[in-house]
Protein backbone atom coordinates (compact mmCIF):
# COMPACT_ATOMS: atom_id res chain seq x y z
CA UNK A 1 18.33 -32.42 9.55
CA UNK A 2 14.95 -30.95 10.40
CA UNK A 3 12.10 -31.94 8.10
CA UNK A 4 9.69 -29.28 6.95
CA UNK A 5 6.01 -30.10 6.99
CA UNK A 6 4.22 -29.25 3.74
CA UNK A 7 1.89 -26.27 3.85
CA UNK A 8 -1.71 -27.46 3.57
CA UNK A 9 -3.71 -26.06 0.69
CA UNK A 10 -7.48 -25.75 0.61
CA UNK A 11 -9.05 -28.97 -0.58
CA UNK A 12 -11.13 -28.94 -3.73
CA UNK A 13 -14.71 -28.33 -2.69
CA UNK A 14 -13.58 -26.89 0.63
CA UNK A 15 -14.80 -23.49 1.66
CA UNK A 16 -12.86 -20.49 2.86
CA UNK A 17 -14.77 -18.18 5.17
CA UNK A 18 -13.57 -14.65 4.53
CA UNK A 19 -13.14 -12.31 7.47
CA UNK A 20 -14.77 -8.94 7.76
CA UNK A 21 -12.61 -5.96 8.69
CA UNK A 22 -14.20 -5.95 12.18
CA UNK A 23 -13.50 -9.67 12.70
CA UNK A 24 -9.92 -9.22 11.51
CA UNK A 25 -9.38 -6.40 13.99
CA UNK A 26 -11.01 -8.30 16.87
CA UNK A 27 -8.94 -11.43 16.21
CA UNK A 28 -5.80 -9.32 15.91
CA UNK A 29 -6.45 -7.55 19.21
CA UNK A 30 -6.82 -10.90 21.00
CA UNK A 31 -3.57 -12.18 19.47
CA UNK A 32 -5.24 -14.86 17.34
CA UNK A 33 -3.88 -13.29 14.15
CA UNK A 34 -0.13 -12.75 14.14
CA UNK A 35 1.49 -9.35 13.71
CA UNK A 36 2.79 -8.32 10.27
CA UNK A 37 -0.34 -9.29 8.41
CA UNK A 38 -2.87 -7.40 6.33
CA UNK A 39 -6.41 -8.17 5.24
CA UNK A 40 -7.05 -8.26 1.50
CA UNK A 41 -10.48 -9.21 0.17
CA UNK A 42 -11.40 -11.05 3.38
CA UNK A 43 -8.19 -13.12 3.50
CA UNK A 44 -5.29 -12.56 5.90
CA UNK A 45 -1.85 -12.36 4.28
CA UNK A 46 1.51 -12.39 6.01
CA UNK A 47 3.48 -9.32 5.00
CA UNK A 48 6.91 -9.82 3.46
CA UNK A 49 10.04 -8.85 5.35
CA UNK A 50 11.65 -5.59 4.25
CA UNK A 51 15.07 -5.47 2.64
CA UNK A 52 17.45 -2.61 3.47
CA UNK A 53 16.83 -1.23 -0.04
CA UNK A 54 13.06 -1.25 0.52
CA UNK A 55 13.46 0.57 3.85
CA UNK A 56 15.84 3.12 2.31
CA UNK A 57 13.43 3.91 -0.54
CA UNK A 58 10.47 4.28 1.81
CA UNK A 59 12.50 6.71 3.94
CA UNK A 60 13.70 8.60 0.83
CA UNK A 61 10.11 9.00 -0.40
CA UNK A 62 8.86 9.91 3.08
CA UNK A 63 11.44 12.70 3.38
CA UNK A 64 10.69 13.97 -0.15
CA UNK A 65 6.92 13.99 0.45
CA UNK A 66 6.94 15.53 3.91
CA UNK A 67 7.66 19.05 2.65
CA UNK A 68 4.64 18.94 0.30
CA UNK A 69 1.93 17.58 2.58
CA UNK A 70 -0.51 20.48 2.96
CA UNK A 71 -2.07 21.61 6.21
CA UNK A 72 -5.06 19.42 6.98
CA UNK A 73 -3.40 16.26 5.63
CA UNK A 74 -1.20 13.59 7.24
CA UNK A 75 1.61 11.43 5.88
CA UNK A 76 1.31 7.89 7.24
CA UNK A 77 3.88 5.09 6.98
CA UNK A 78 2.77 1.43 6.90
CA UNK A 79 -0.58 2.18 8.49
CA UNK A 80 -3.96 0.71 7.44
CA UNK A 81 -6.51 2.14 5.08
CA UNK A 82 -9.92 0.59 5.73
CA UNK A 83 -11.65 -0.55 2.55
CA UNK A 84 -14.83 -2.59 2.13
CA UNK A 85 -13.32 -6.03 2.79
CA UNK A 86 -9.65 -5.12 3.10
CA UNK A 87 -7.27 -3.26 5.33
CA UNK A 88 -4.05 -2.89 3.31
CA UNK A 89 -1.06 -1.13 4.86
CA UNK A 90 0.65 0.87 2.11
CA UNK A 91 4.28 1.86 2.55
CA UNK A 92 3.23 5.53 2.42
CA UNK A 93 -0.13 7.27 2.28
CA UNK A 94 -1.17 10.91 2.32
CA UNK A 95 -4.61 11.18 3.87
CA UNK A 96 -7.00 14.04 4.56
CA UNK A 97 -7.14 14.89 8.27
CA UNK A 98 -4.80 15.35 11.21
CA UNK A 99 -3.24 12.43 13.08
CA UNK A 100 -5.89 13.00 15.77
CA UNK A 101 -8.58 12.35 13.14
CA UNK A 102 -7.52 8.69 13.13
CA UNK A 103 -7.45 8.05 16.85
CA UNK A 104 -10.58 5.87 16.72
CA UNK A 105 -10.74 4.79 13.07
CA UNK A 106 -8.33 4.32 10.20
CA UNK A 107 -8.77 6.46 7.10
CA UNK A 108 -11.05 5.03 4.43
CA UNK A 109 -9.29 6.62 1.46
CA UNK A 110 -6.15 8.58 0.56
CA UNK A 111 -4.96 11.27 -1.77
CA UNK A 112 -1.80 9.31 -2.59
CA UNK A 113 -0.67 5.76 -1.82
CA UNK A 114 2.87 4.53 -2.55
CA UNK A 115 3.91 0.88 -2.54
CA UNK A 116 7.64 0.08 -2.95
CA UNK A 117 8.04 -3.15 -4.93
CA UNK A 118 11.46 -4.75 -4.65
CA UNK A 119 10.18 -8.34 -5.01
CA UNK A 120 6.45 -7.84 -4.38
CA UNK A 121 5.11 -6.60 -7.74
CA UNK A 122 2.19 -9.03 -8.05
CA UNK A 123 1.20 -8.78 -4.40
CA UNK A 124 1.15 -4.96 -4.44
CA UNK A 125 -0.70 -4.91 -7.78
CA UNK A 126 -3.36 -7.12 -6.19
CA UNK A 127 -4.16 -4.24 -3.81
CA UNK A 128 -5.07 -1.84 -6.64
CA UNK A 129 -8.78 -2.83 -6.86
CA UNK A 130 -9.18 -2.23 -3.11
CA UNK A 131 -7.50 1.17 -3.35
CA UNK A 132 -9.61 2.13 -6.38
CA UNK A 133 -12.86 1.03 -4.72
CA UNK A 134 -11.90 3.14 -1.68
CA UNK A 135 -11.47 6.20 -3.93
CA UNK A 136 -7.70 6.59 -3.53
CA UNK A 137 -6.93 9.38 -5.99
CA UNK A 138 -3.45 8.26 -7.02
CA UNK A 139 -1.39 5.12 -6.44
CA UNK A 140 2.31 4.71 -7.21
CA UNK A 141 3.98 1.32 -7.54
CA UNK A 142 7.72 1.90 -7.29
CA UNK A 143 9.13 -0.93 -9.43
CA UNK A 144 12.66 -1.06 -8.07
CA UNK A 145 14.34 -3.66 -10.36
CA UNK A 146 12.95 -1.87 -13.43
CA UNK A 147 13.82 1.62 -12.17
CA UNK A 148 10.27 2.76 -12.92
CA UNK A 149 7.17 4.06 -11.21
CA UNK A 150 3.79 2.84 -12.38
CA UNK A 151 1.14 5.48 -11.67
CA UNK A 152 -2.56 4.66 -11.35
CA UNK A 153 -5.17 7.45 -11.36
CA UNK A 154 -8.89 7.93 -11.94
CA UNK A 155 -10.35 5.35 -9.53
CA UNK A 156 -13.70 3.69 -10.05
CA UNK A 157 -15.36 0.59 -8.59
CA UNK A 158 -13.55 -1.76 -11.00
CA UNK A 159 -10.04 -0.32 -10.73
CA UNK A 160 -8.06 2.64 -11.99
CA UNK A 161 -8.82 3.87 -15.50
CA UNK A 162 -5.51 5.66 -16.08
CA UNK A 163 -2.12 3.93 -15.92
CA UNK A 164 1.23 5.43 -16.91
CA UNK A 165 4.81 4.29 -16.42
CA UNK A 166 7.69 6.68 -15.75
CA UNK A 167 11.34 5.73 -16.05
CA UNK A 168 14.83 7.07 -15.56
CA UNK A 169 15.70 10.59 -16.59
CA UNK A 170 12.25 11.90 -15.97
CA UNK A 171 10.42 13.90 -13.37
CA UNK A 172 7.12 12.60 -12.02
CA UNK A 173 4.56 15.19 -10.91
CA UNK A 174 1.90 14.04 -8.47
CA UNK A 175 -1.60 15.06 -9.55
CA UNK A 176 -3.04 14.42 -6.08
CA UNK A 177 -0.49 16.67 -4.31
CA UNK A 178 0.13 19.80 -6.37
CA UNK A 179 3.73 20.93 -6.12
CA UNK A 180 5.16 17.49 -5.38
CA UNK A 181 7.42 16.22 -8.15
CA UNK A 182 10.06 13.53 -7.93
CA UNK A 183 13.32 13.32 -9.87
CA UNK A 184 13.44 9.64 -10.81
CA UNK A 185 17.23 9.56 -11.22
CA UNK A 186 17.62 10.69 -7.59
CA UNK A 187 15.25 7.97 -6.38
CA UNK A 188 16.91 5.17 -8.32
CA UNK A 189 20.53 6.37 -7.92
CA UNK A 190 22.90 3.54 -7.12
């Protein structure tokens, strides 16, 4: 039987040297940071694997959103948004600009960000301050086990000032994308 080495934890009094976005990118391009990571608040996190349900819901939301993305905006899937000290990769983001606008730099904000949370509630909630500081207008956390969507609006430097929760039987209208509304029963159908 193979023994598993314990994961070292930072020692008390030890220091962690946070990475800047530029350092994170440079180390990633040289292969010194593994794939499937994202930078949050100067610290590199390994992204969780995606369950079939997670992938299905991302595709469902992508297809539903695509018809409502106005000219001059782009729907991005699992692509970075550059924030002050973070580069999270939301499941879906609607950003201002064409795909060519992001040939040399990632977007720095978004109209709408959607994170699908099958088992990652706390991790995805931890991204909210970065999204708010970047001026993301609206952020949806799709809470799959609960069959709810938590909506965060009105960003400021400390977070979002408006939070609502929408459950089964309802219809959720997106304030950031006029015309886009989602039937929650269709999303959470079993």
